[in-house]
Each structure stands twice: as structure tokens, then as C-alpha cells.
PDB file of all heavy atoms in Angstrom:
ATOM      1  N   ILE A   1       0.862  -1.189   0.019  1.00  0.00           N
ATOM      2  CA  ILE A   1       0.053  -0.069  -0.046  1.00  0.00           C
ATOM      3  C   ILE A   1       0.977   1.219   0.110  1.00  0.00           C
ATOM      4  O   ILE A   1       1.485   1.655   1.011  1.00  0.00           O
ATOM      5  CB  ILE A   1      -0.936  -0.035   1.212  1.00  0.00           C
ATOM      6  CG1 ILE A   1      -1.548  -1.347   1.430  1.00  0.00           C
ATOM      7  CG2 ILE A   1      -1.989   1.169   1.115  1.00  0.00           C
ATOM      8  CD1 ILE A   1      -2.549  -1.778   0.373  1.00  0.00           C
ATOM      9  N   CYS A   2       1.162   1.779  -1.209  1.00  0.00           N
ATOM     10  CA  CYS A   2       1.949   2.870  -1.369  1.00  0.00           C
ATOM     11  C   CYS A   2       1.890   3.413  -2.764  1.00  0.00           C
ATOM     12  O   CYS A   2       1.565   2.559  -3.585  1.00  0.00           O
ATOM     13  CB  CYS A   2       3.335   2.774  -0.988  1.00  0.00           C
ATOM     14  SG  CYS A   2       4.276   1.544  -1.943  1.00  0.00           S
ATOM     15  N   ASP A   3       2.102   4.707  -3.058  1.00  0.00           N
ATOM     16  CA  ASP A   3       2.036   5.134  -4.534  1.00  0.00           C
ATOM     17  C   ASP A   3       3.275   4.550  -5.280  1.00  0.00           C
ATOM     18  O   ASP A   3       3.140   4.266  -6.433  1.00  0.00           O
ATOM     19  CB  ASP A   3       1.878   6.559  -4.665  1.00  0.00           C
ATOM     20  CG  ASP A   3       3.002   7.446  -4.152  1.00  0.00           C
ATOM     21  OD1 ASP A   3       4.194   6.847  -4.131  1.00  0.00           O
ATOM     22  OD2 ASP A   3       2.910   8.521  -3.851  1.00  0.00           O
ATOM     23  N   GLY A   4       4.384   4.303  -4.668  1.00  0.00           N
ATOM     24  CA  GLY A   4       5.616   3.599  -5.404  1.00  0.00           C
ATOM     25  C   GLY A   4       6.140   4.570  -6.405  1.00  0.00           C
ATOM     26  O   GLY A   4       6.990   4.013  -7.139  1.00  0.00           O
ATOM     27  N   LYS A   5       5.958   5.793  -6.302  1.00  0.00           N
ATOM     28  CA  LYS A   5       6.607   6.751  -7.184  1.00  0.00           C
ATOM     29  C   LYS A   5       8.041   6.898  -6.976  1.00  0.00           C
ATOM     30  O   LYS A   5       8.500   6.708  -5.716  1.00  0.00           O
ATOM     31  CB  LYS A   5       5.824   8.022  -7.338  1.00  0.00           C
ATOM     32  CG  LYS A   5       4.473   7.841  -7.966  1.00  0.00           C
ATOM     33  CD  LYS A   5       3.706   9.252  -8.022  1.00  0.00           C
ATOM     34  CE  LYS A   5       2.250   9.073  -8.516  1.00  0.00           C
ATOM     35  NZ  LYS A   5       1.382  10.297  -8.456  1.00  0.00           N
ATOM     36  N   PRO A   6       8.956   7.373  -7.928  1.00  0.00           N
ATOM     37  CA  PRO A   6      10.324   7.647  -7.634  1.00  0.00           C
ATOM     38  C   PRO A   6      10.588   8.507  -6.542  1.00  0.00           C
ATOM     39  O   PRO A   6       9.975   9.508  -6.340  1.00  0.00           O
ATOM     40  CB  PRO A   6      10.725   8.330  -8.947  1.00  0.00           C
ATOM     41  CG  PRO A   6       9.847   7.670 -10.087  1.00  0.00           C
ATOM     42  CD  PRO A   6       8.527   7.574  -9.314  1.00  0.00           C
ATOM     43  N   SER A   7      11.432   7.923  -5.657  1.00  0.00           N
ATOM     44  CA  SER A   7      11.784   8.866  -4.471  1.00  0.00           C
ATOM     45  C   SER A   7      12.940   9.749  -4.712  1.00  0.00           C
ATOM     46  O   SER A   7      13.221  10.714  -3.862  1.00  0.00           O
ATOM     47  CB  SER A   7      12.119   7.846  -3.244  1.00  0.00           C
ATOM     48  OG  SER A   7      13.163   7.009  -3.666  1.00  0.00           O
ATOM     49  N   LYS A   8      13.683   9.571  -5.808  1.00  0.00           N
ATOM     50  CA  LYS A   8      14.770  10.508  -6.161  1.00  0.00           C
ATOM     51  C   LYS A   8      14.438  11.386  -7.303  1.00  0.00           C
ATOM     52  O   LYS A   8      13.781  10.902  -8.280  1.00  0.00           O
ATOM     53  CB  LYS A   8      15.875   9.682  -6.562  1.00  0.00           C
ATOM     54  CG  LYS A   8      16.412   8.600  -5.536  1.00  0.00           C
ATOM     55  CD  LYS A   8      17.047   9.248  -4.379  1.00  0.00           C
ATOM     56  CE  LYS A   8      17.560   8.218  -3.379  1.00  0.00           C
ATOM     57  NZ  LYS A   8      17.891   8.728  -2.123  1.00  0.00           N
ATOM     58  N   PRO A   9      14.680  12.728  -7.245  1.00  0.00           N
ATOM     59  CA  PRO A   9      14.171  13.587  -8.294  1.00  0.00           C
ATOM     60  C   PRO A   9      14.756  13.372  -9.654  1.00  0.00           C
ATOM     61  O   PRO A   9      14.142  13.777 -10.695  1.00  0.00           O
ATOM     62  CB  PRO A   9      14.638  15.048  -7.797  1.00  0.00           C
ATOM     63  CG  PRO A   9      15.808  14.609  -6.876  1.00  0.00           C
ATOM     64  CD  PRO A   9      15.501  13.301  -6.266  1.00  0.00           C
ATOM     65  N   TYR A  10      15.905  12.603  -9.788  1.00  0.00           N
ATOM     66  CA  TYR A  10      16.534  12.438 -11.067  1.00  0.00           C
ATOM     67  C   TYR A  10      15.966  11.073 -11.647  1.00  0.00           C
ATOM     68  O   TYR A  10      16.481  10.737 -12.829  1.00  0.00           O
ATOM     69  CB  TYR A  10      18.125  12.325 -10.940  1.00  0.00           C
ATOM     70  CG  TYR A  10      18.551  11.504  -9.817  1.00  0.00           C
ATOM     71  CD1 TYR A  10      18.689  10.159 -10.125  1.00  0.00           C
ATOM     72  CD2 TYR A  10      18.836  11.946  -8.511  1.00  0.00           C
ATOM     73  CE1 TYR A  10      19.225   9.188  -9.118  1.00  0.00           C
ATOM     74  CE2 TYR A  10      19.332  11.035  -7.538  1.00  0.00           C
ATOM     75  CZ  TYR A  10      19.458   9.737  -7.906  1.00  0.00           C
ATOM     76  OH  TYR A  10      19.925   8.882  -6.899  1.00  0.00           O
ATOM     77  N   VAL A  11      15.125  10.428 -11.072  1.00  0.00           N
ATOM     78  CA  VAL A  11      14.634   9.087 -11.559  1.00  0.00           C
ATOM     79  C   VAL A  11      13.339   9.347 -12.324  1.00  0.00           C
ATOM     80  O   VAL A  11      12.482  10.019 -11.791  1.00  0.00           O
ATOM     81  CB  VAL A  11      14.435   8.051 -10.534  1.00  0.00           C
ATOM     82  CG1 VAL A  11      13.945   6.755 -11.021  1.00  0.00           C
ATOM     83  CG2 VAL A  11      15.814   7.694  -9.833  1.00  0.00           C
ATOM     84  N   VAL A  12      13.253   8.781 -13.494  1.00  0.00           N
ATOM     85  CA  VAL A  12      11.920   8.910 -14.328  1.00  0.00           C
ATOM     86  C   VAL A  12      11.154   7.617 -14.277  1.00  0.00           C
ATOM     87  O   VAL A  12      11.674   6.517 -14.575  1.00  0.00           O
ATOM     88  CB  VAL A  12      12.258   9.314 -15.690  1.00  0.00           C
ATOM     89  CG1 VAL A  12      11.059   9.485 -16.512  1.00  0.00           C
ATOM     90  CG2 VAL A  12      13.046  10.662 -15.741  1.00  0.00           C
ATOM     91  N   GLN A  13       9.924   7.620 -14.020  1.00  0.00           N
ATOM     92  CA  GLN A  13       8.940   6.461 -14.066  1.00  0.00           C
ATOM     93  C   GLN A  13       8.697   6.112 -15.452  1.00  0.00           C
ATOM     94  O   GLN A  13       8.391   6.892 -16.240  1.00  0.00           O
ATOM     95  CB  GLN A  13       7.733   6.716 -13.287  1.00  0.00           C
ATOM     96  CG  GLN A  13       6.653   5.668 -13.279  1.00  0.00           C
ATOM     97  CD  GLN A  13       7.070   4.725 -12.022  1.00  0.00           C
ATOM     98  OE1 GLN A  13       7.126   5.054 -10.949  1.00  0.00           O
ATOM     99  NE2 GLN A  13       7.065   3.401 -12.478  1.00  0.00           N
ATOM    100  N   MET A  14       8.854   4.765 -15.752  1.00  0.00           N
ATOM    101  CA  MET A  14       8.658   4.293 -17.100  1.00  0.00           C
ATOM    102  C   MET A  14       7.603   3.071 -16.977  1.00  0.00           C
ATOM    103  O   MET A  14       7.538   2.498 -15.893  1.00  0.00           O
ATOM    104  CB  MET A  14      10.006   3.718 -17.692  1.00  0.00           C
ATOM    105  CG  MET A  14      10.921   4.852 -18.008  1.00  0.00           C
ATOM    106  SD  MET A  14      10.508   5.881 -19.257  1.00  0.00           S
ATOM    107  CE  MET A  14      10.628   4.864 -20.750  1.00  0.00           C
ATOM    108  N   GLY A  15       7.041   2.817 -17.940  1.00  0.00           N
ATOM    109  CA  GLY A  15       6.183   1.518 -18.167  1.00  0.00           C
ATOM    110  C   GLY A  15       4.805   1.810 -17.504  1.00  0.00           C
ATOM    111  O   GLY A  15       4.338   3.057 -17.270  1.00  0.00           O
ATOM    112  N   LEU A  16       4.059   0.800 -17.211  1.00  0.00           N
ATOM    113  CA  LEU A  16       2.661   0.813 -16.842  1.00  0.00           C
ATOM    114  C   LEU A  16       2.522   1.562 -15.439  1.00  0.00           C
ATOM    115  O   LEU A  16       3.457   1.266 -14.470  1.00  0.00           O
ATOM    116  CB  LEU A  16       2.096  -0.559 -16.744  1.00  0.00           C
ATOM    117  CG  LEU A  16       0.626  -0.679 -16.392  1.00  0.00           C
ATOM    118  CD1 LEU A  16      -0.266  -0.065 -17.703  1.00  0.00           C
ATOM    119  CD2 LEU A  16       0.117  -2.137 -16.225  1.00  0.00           C
ATOM    120  N   GLU A  17       1.617   2.307 -15.232  1.00  0.00           N
ATOM    121  CA  GLU A  17       1.248   2.996 -14.019  1.00  0.00           C
ATOM    122  C   GLU A  17       1.169   1.922 -12.929  1.00  0.00           C
ATOM    123  O   GLU A  17       0.340   1.002 -13.132  1.00  0.00           O
ATOM    124  CB  GLU A  17      -0.013   3.981 -14.009  1.00  0.00           C
ATOM    125  CG  GLU A  17      -0.323   4.676 -12.866  1.00  0.00           C
ATOM    126  CD  GLU A  17      -1.686   5.315 -13.124  1.00  0.00           C
ATOM    127  OE1 GLU A  17      -2.439   4.976 -13.945  1.00  0.00           O
ATOM    128  OE2 GLU A  17      -1.861   6.315 -12.318  1.00  0.00           O
ATOM    129  N   GLU A  18       1.643   2.113 -11.763  1.00  0.00           N
ATOM    130  CA  GLU A  18       1.463   1.183 -10.558  1.00  0.00           C
ATOM    131  C   GLU A  18       0.279   1.529  -9.803  1.00  0.00           C
ATOM    132  O   GLU A  18       0.115   2.757  -9.346  1.00  0.00           O
ATOM    133  CB  GLU A  18       2.772   1.238  -9.775  1.00  0.00           C
ATOM    134  CG  GLU A  18       3.913   0.614 -10.385  1.00  0.00           C
ATOM    135  CD  GLU A  18       3.740  -0.949 -10.575  1.00  0.00           C
ATOM    136  OE1 GLU A  18       3.231  -1.536  -9.750  1.00  0.00           O
ATOM    137  OE2 GLU A  18       4.237  -1.548 -11.499  1.00  0.00           O
ATOM    138  N   PRO A  19      -0.556   0.660  -9.325  1.00  0.00           N
ATOM    139  CA  PRO A  19      -1.721   0.868  -8.450  1.00  0.00           C
ATOM    140  C   PRO A  19      -1.281   1.140  -7.052  1.00  0.00           C
ATOM    141  O   PRO A  19      -0.201   0.550  -6.640  1.00  0.00           O
ATOM    142  CB  PRO A  19      -2.544  -0.513  -8.551  1.00  0.00           C
ATOM    143  CG  PRO A  19      -1.507  -1.499  -8.843  1.00  0.00           C
ATOM    144  CD  PRO A  19      -0.508  -0.817  -9.699  1.00  0.00           C
ATOM    145  N   MET A  20      -1.977   2.001  -6.382  1.00  0.00           N
ATOM    146  CA  MET A  20      -1.712   2.308  -4.927  1.00  0.00           C
ATOM    147  C   MET A  20      -1.765   0.875  -4.055  1.00  0.00           C
ATOM    148  O   MET A  20      -0.921   0.673  -3.257  1.00  0.00           O
ATOM    149  CB  MET A  20      -2.747   3.175  -4.374  1.00  0.00           C
ATOM    150  CG  MET A  20      -2.707   3.385  -2.803  1.00  0.00           C
ATOM    151  SD  MET A  20      -1.086   4.213  -2.196  1.00  0.00           S
ATOM    152  CE  MET A  20      -1.484   5.910  -2.729  1.00  0.00           C
ATOM    153  N   VAL A  21      -2.815   0.110  -4.407  1.00  0.00           N
ATOM    154  CA  VAL A  21      -3.036  -1.128  -3.686  1.00  0.00           C
ATOM    155  C   VAL A  21      -2.582  -2.286  -4.722  1.00  0.00           C
ATOM    156  O   VAL A  21      -3.329  -2.481  -5.681  1.00  0.00           O
ATOM    157  CB  VAL A  21      -4.468  -1.331  -3.308  1.00  0.00           C
ATOM    158  CG1 VAL A  21      -4.626  -2.614  -2.510  1.00  0.00           C
ATOM    159  CG2 VAL A  21      -4.836  -0.200  -2.398  1.00  0.00           C
ATOM    160  N   LYS A  22      -1.488  -2.853  -4.389  1.00  0.00           N
ATOM    161  CA  LYS A  22      -0.943  -3.987  -5.364  1.00  0.00           C
ATOM    162  C   LYS A  22      -0.741  -5.252  -4.716  1.00  0.00           C
ATOM    163  O   LYS A  22      -0.269  -5.378  -3.435  1.00  0.00           O
ATOM    164  CB  LYS A  22       0.319  -3.387  -5.915  1.00  0.00           C
ATOM    165  CG  LYS A  22       1.000  -4.368  -6.903  1.00  0.00           C
ATOM    166  CD  LYS A  22       2.148  -3.928  -7.620  1.00  0.00           C
ATOM    167  CE  LYS A  22       2.815  -4.919  -8.620  1.00  0.00           C
ATOM    168  NZ  LYS A  22       4.019  -4.409  -9.167  1.00  0.00           N
ATOM    169  N   ARG A  23      -1.184  -6.378  -5.337  1.00  0.00           N
ATOM    170  CA  ARG A  23      -0.868  -7.750  -4.859  1.00  0.00           C
ATOM    171  C   ARG A  23      -0.208  -8.538  -5.884  1.00  0.00           C
ATOM    172  O   ARG A  23      -0.631  -8.464  -7.081  1.00  0.00           O
ATOM    173  CB  ARG A  23      -2.310  -8.336  -4.360  1.00  0.00           C
ATOM    174  CG  ARG A  23      -2.104  -9.902  -4.075  1.00  0.00           C
ATOM    175  CD  ARG A  23      -3.528 -10.382  -3.590  1.00  0.00           C
ATOM    176  NE  ARG A  23      -3.414 -11.793  -3.518  1.00  0.00           N
ATOM    177  CZ  ARG A  23      -4.134 -12.614  -4.243  1.00  0.00           C
ATOM    178  NH1 ARG A  23      -4.885 -12.074  -5.337  1.00  0.00           N
ATOM    179  NH2 ARG A  23      -4.112 -13.928  -4.190  1.00  0.00           N
ATOM    180  N   THR A  24       0.715  -9.217  -5.505  1.00  0.00           N
ATOM    181  CA  THR A  24       1.483 -10.178  -6.443  1.00  0.00           C
ATOM    182  C   THR A  24       1.369 -11.529  -5.730  1.00  0.00           C
ATOM    183  O   THR A  24       1.494 -11.679  -4.364  1.00  0.00           O
ATOM    184  CB  THR A  24       2.960  -9.865  -6.800  1.00  0.00           C
ATOM    185  OG1 THR A  24       3.676  -9.618  -5.548  1.00  0.00           O
ATOM    186  CG2 THR A  24       2.905  -8.514  -7.616  1.00  0.00           C
ATOM    187  N   VAL A  25       1.285 -12.633  -6.616  1.00  0.00           N
ATOM    188  CA  VAL A  25       1.270 -13.977  -5.960  1.00  0.00           C
ATOM    189  C   VAL A  25       2.406 -14.810  -6.676  1.00  0.00           C
ATOM    190  O   VAL A  25       2.425 -14.930  -7.956  1.00  0.00           O
ATOM    191  CB  VAL A  25      -0.059 -14.599  -6.288  1.00  0.00           C
ATOM    192  CG1 VAL A  25      -0.166 -16.164  -5.858  1.00  0.00           C
ATOM    193  CG2 VAL A  25      -1.280 -13.811  -5.683  1.00  0.00           C
ATOM    194  N   GLU A  26       3.429 -15.294  -5.920  1.00  0.00           N
ATOM    195  CA  GLU A  26       4.431 -16.072  -6.432  1.00  0.00           C
ATOM    196  C   GLU A  26       4.095 -17.595  -6.273  1.00  0.00           C
ATOM    197  O   GLU A  26       4.221 -18.164  -5.288  1.00  0.00           O
ATOM    198  CB  GLU A  26       5.683 -15.680  -5.776  1.00  0.00           C
ATOM    199  CG  GLU A  26       6.033 -14.239  -5.805  1.00  0.00           C
ATOM    200  CD  GLU A  26       6.028 -13.664  -7.232  1.00  0.00           C
ATOM    201  OE1 GLU A  26       6.264 -14.329  -8.124  1.00  0.00           O
ATOM    202  OE2 GLU A  26       5.793 -12.342  -7.366  1.00  0.00           O
ATOM    203  N   GLY A  27       3.593 -18.234  -7.406  1.00  0.00           N
ATOM    204  CA  GLY A  27       3.243 -19.609  -7.228  1.00  0.00           C
ATOM    205  C   GLY A  27       4.329 -20.674  -7.281  1.00  0.00           C
ATOM    206  O   GLY A  27       4.065 -21.788  -7.086  1.00  0.00           O
ATOM    207  N   ASP A  28       5.573 -20.119  -7.482  1.00  0.00           N
ATOM    208  CA  ASP A  28       6.773 -21.042  -7.323  1.00  0.00           C
ATOM    209  C   ASP A  28       7.406 -20.871  -6.003  1.00  0.00           C
ATOM    210  O   ASP A  28       8.554 -21.494  -5.963  1.00  0.00           O
ATOM    211  CB  ASP A  28       7.688 -20.921  -8.569  1.00  0.00           C
ATOM    212  CG  ASP A  28       8.129 -19.381  -8.562  1.00  0.00           C
ATOM    213  OD1 ASP A  28       7.618 -18.538  -7.951  1.00  0.00           O
ATOM    214  OD2 ASP A  28       9.135 -19.189  -9.344  1.00  0.00           O
ATOM    215  N   LEU A  29       6.887 -20.210  -5.141  1.00  0.00           N
ATOM    216  CA  LEU A  29       7.556 -19.894  -3.889  1.00  0.00           C
ATOM    217  C   LEU A  29       6.586 -20.295  -2.740  1.00  0.00           C
ATOM    218  O   LEU A  29       5.762 -19.451  -2.214  1.00  0.00           O
ATOM    219  CB  LEU A  29       7.888 -18.433  -3.662  1.00  0.00           C
ATOM    220  CG  LEU A  29       8.787 -17.883  -4.713  1.00  0.00           C
ATOM    221  CD1 LEU A  29       9.091 -16.339  -4.555  1.00  0.00           C
ATOM    222  CD2 LEU A  29      10.173 -18.617  -4.795  1.00  0.00           C
ATOM    223  N   GLY A  30       6.650 -21.610  -2.399  1.00  0.00           N
ATOM    224  CA  GLY A  30       5.770 -22.068  -1.268  1.00  0.00           C
ATOM    225  C   GLY A  30       6.549 -23.095  -0.378  1.00  0.00           C
ATOM    226  O   GLY A  30       7.524 -23.611  -0.798  1.00  0.00           O
ATOM    227  N   MET A  31       6.091 -23.333   0.792  1.00  0.00           N
ATOM    228  CA  MET A  31       6.797 -24.149   1.884  1.00  0.00           C
ATOM    229  C   MET A  31       6.560 -25.496   1.707  1.00  0.00           C
ATOM    230  O   MET A  31       7.301 -26.377   2.276  1.00  0.00           O
ATOM    231  CB  MET A  31       6.357 -23.636   3.202  1.00  0.00           C
ATOM    232  CG  MET A  31       6.749 -22.177   3.570  1.00  0.00           C
ATOM    233  SD  MET A  31       8.564 -21.958   3.529  1.00  0.00           S
ATOM    234  CE  MET A  31       9.053 -23.072   4.993  1.00  0.00           C
ATOM    235  N   ARG A  32       5.512 -25.993   0.887  1.00  0.00           N
ATOM    236  CA  ARG A  32       5.125 -27.367   0.797  1.00  0.00           C
ATOM    237  C   ARG A  32       4.901 -27.773  -0.607  1.00  0.00           C
ATOM    238  O   ARG A  32       5.705 -28.394  -1.196  1.00  0.00           O
ATOM    239  CB  ARG A  32       3.876 -27.789   1.697  1.00  0.00           C
ATOM    240  CG  ARG A  32       4.145 -27.651   3.231  1.00  0.00           C
ATOM    241  CD  ARG A  32       5.303 -28.517   3.766  1.00  0.00           C
ATOM    242  NE  ARG A  32       5.535 -28.432   5.129  1.00  0.00           N
ATOM    243  CZ  ARG A  32       6.594 -27.788   5.599  1.00  0.00           C
ATOM    244  NH1 ARG A  32       7.328 -27.038   4.854  1.00  0.00           N
ATOM    245  NH2 ARG A  32       6.774 -27.671   6.894  1.00  0.00           N
ATOM    246  N   VAL A  33       3.655 -27.382  -1.171  1.00  0.00           N
ATOM    247  CA  VAL A  33       3.393 -27.809  -2.453  1.00  0.00           C
ATOM    248  C   VAL A  33       4.421 -27.350  -3.487  1.00  0.00           C
ATOM    249  O   VAL A  33       4.689 -28.002  -4.533  1.00  0.00           O
ATOM    250  CB  VAL A  33       1.904 -27.245  -2.873  1.00  0.00           C
ATOM    251  CG1 VAL A  33       1.649 -27.560  -4.377  1.00  0.00           C
ATOM    252  CG2 VAL A  33       0.896 -27.855  -1.998  1.00  0.00           C
ATOM    253  N   SER A  34       4.984 -26.157  -3.255  1.00  0.00           N
ATOM    254  CA  SER A  34       5.916 -25.524  -4.243  1.00  0.00           C
ATOM    255  C   SER A  34       7.287 -25.588  -3.754  1.00  0.00           C
ATOM    256  O   SER A  34       8.200 -24.793  -4.305  1.00  0.00           O
ATOM    257  CB  SER A  34       5.533 -24.109  -4.530  1.00  0.00           C
ATOM    258  OG  SER A  34       4.142 -23.988  -4.858  1.00  0.00           O
ATOM    259  N   ALA A  35       7.694 -26.548  -2.825  1.00  0.00           N
ATOM    260  CA  ALA A  35       8.967 -26.501  -2.288  1.00  0.00           C
ATOM    261  C   ALA A  35      10.104 -26.825  -3.316  1.00  0.00           C
ATOM    262  O   ALA A  35      11.049 -26.189  -3.260  1.00  0.00           O
ATOM    263  CB  ALA A  35       8.991 -27.637  -1.192  1.00  0.00           C
ATOM    264  N   GLU A  36       9.727 -27.831  -4.243  1.00  0.00           N
ATOM    265  CA  GLU A  36      10.809 -28.100  -5.291  1.00  0.00           C
ATOM    266  C   GLU A  36      10.964 -26.889  -6.187  1.00  0.00           C
ATOM    267  O   GLU A  36      12.067 -26.499  -6.635  1.00  0.00           O
ATOM    268  CB  GLU A  36      10.464 -29.328  -6.080  1.00  0.00           C
ATOM    269  CG  GLU A  36      10.634 -30.622  -5.164  1.00  0.00           C
ATOM    270  CD  GLU A  36      10.135 -31.853  -5.777  1.00  0.00           C
ATOM    271  OE1 GLU A  36       8.933 -31.986  -6.072  1.00  0.00           O
ATOM    272  OE2 GLU A  36      11.067 -32.684  -6.071  1.00  0.00           O
ATOM    273  N   SER A  37       9.907 -26.153  -6.598  1.00  0.00           N
ATOM    274  CA  SER A  37       9.922 -25.102  -7.473  1.00  0.00           C
ATOM    275  C   SER A  37      10.640 -23.924  -6.785  1.00  0.00           C
ATOM    276  O   SER A  37      11.349 -23.148  -7.362  1.00  0.00           O
ATOM    277  CB  SER A  37       8.620 -24.649  -8.075  1.00  0.00           C
ATOM    278  OG  SER A  37       7.769 -24.239  -7.018  1.00  0.00           O
TER     279      SER A  37
END
């Protein structure tokens, strides 16, 4: 939960606009079912 915009004045934002509320799911990072991946 943050706007995620550049914190340095010399950095330019590129690519798709980021949402304030963002969720990512890493399906290859798990403690049991995905242990080998």
C-alpha cells in the first residue's frame, strides 16, 4: 500500500502506472506444494 513513485528527483517513471493497492502471487515460492519449485 503505497504510490511507489520515484523517491529520487533524477529518476523517471517508465512503463505501466502502478496501483496504490498492489498484490502479487508467487506460485513457485511455497513451503510445501511448491517446495521443489
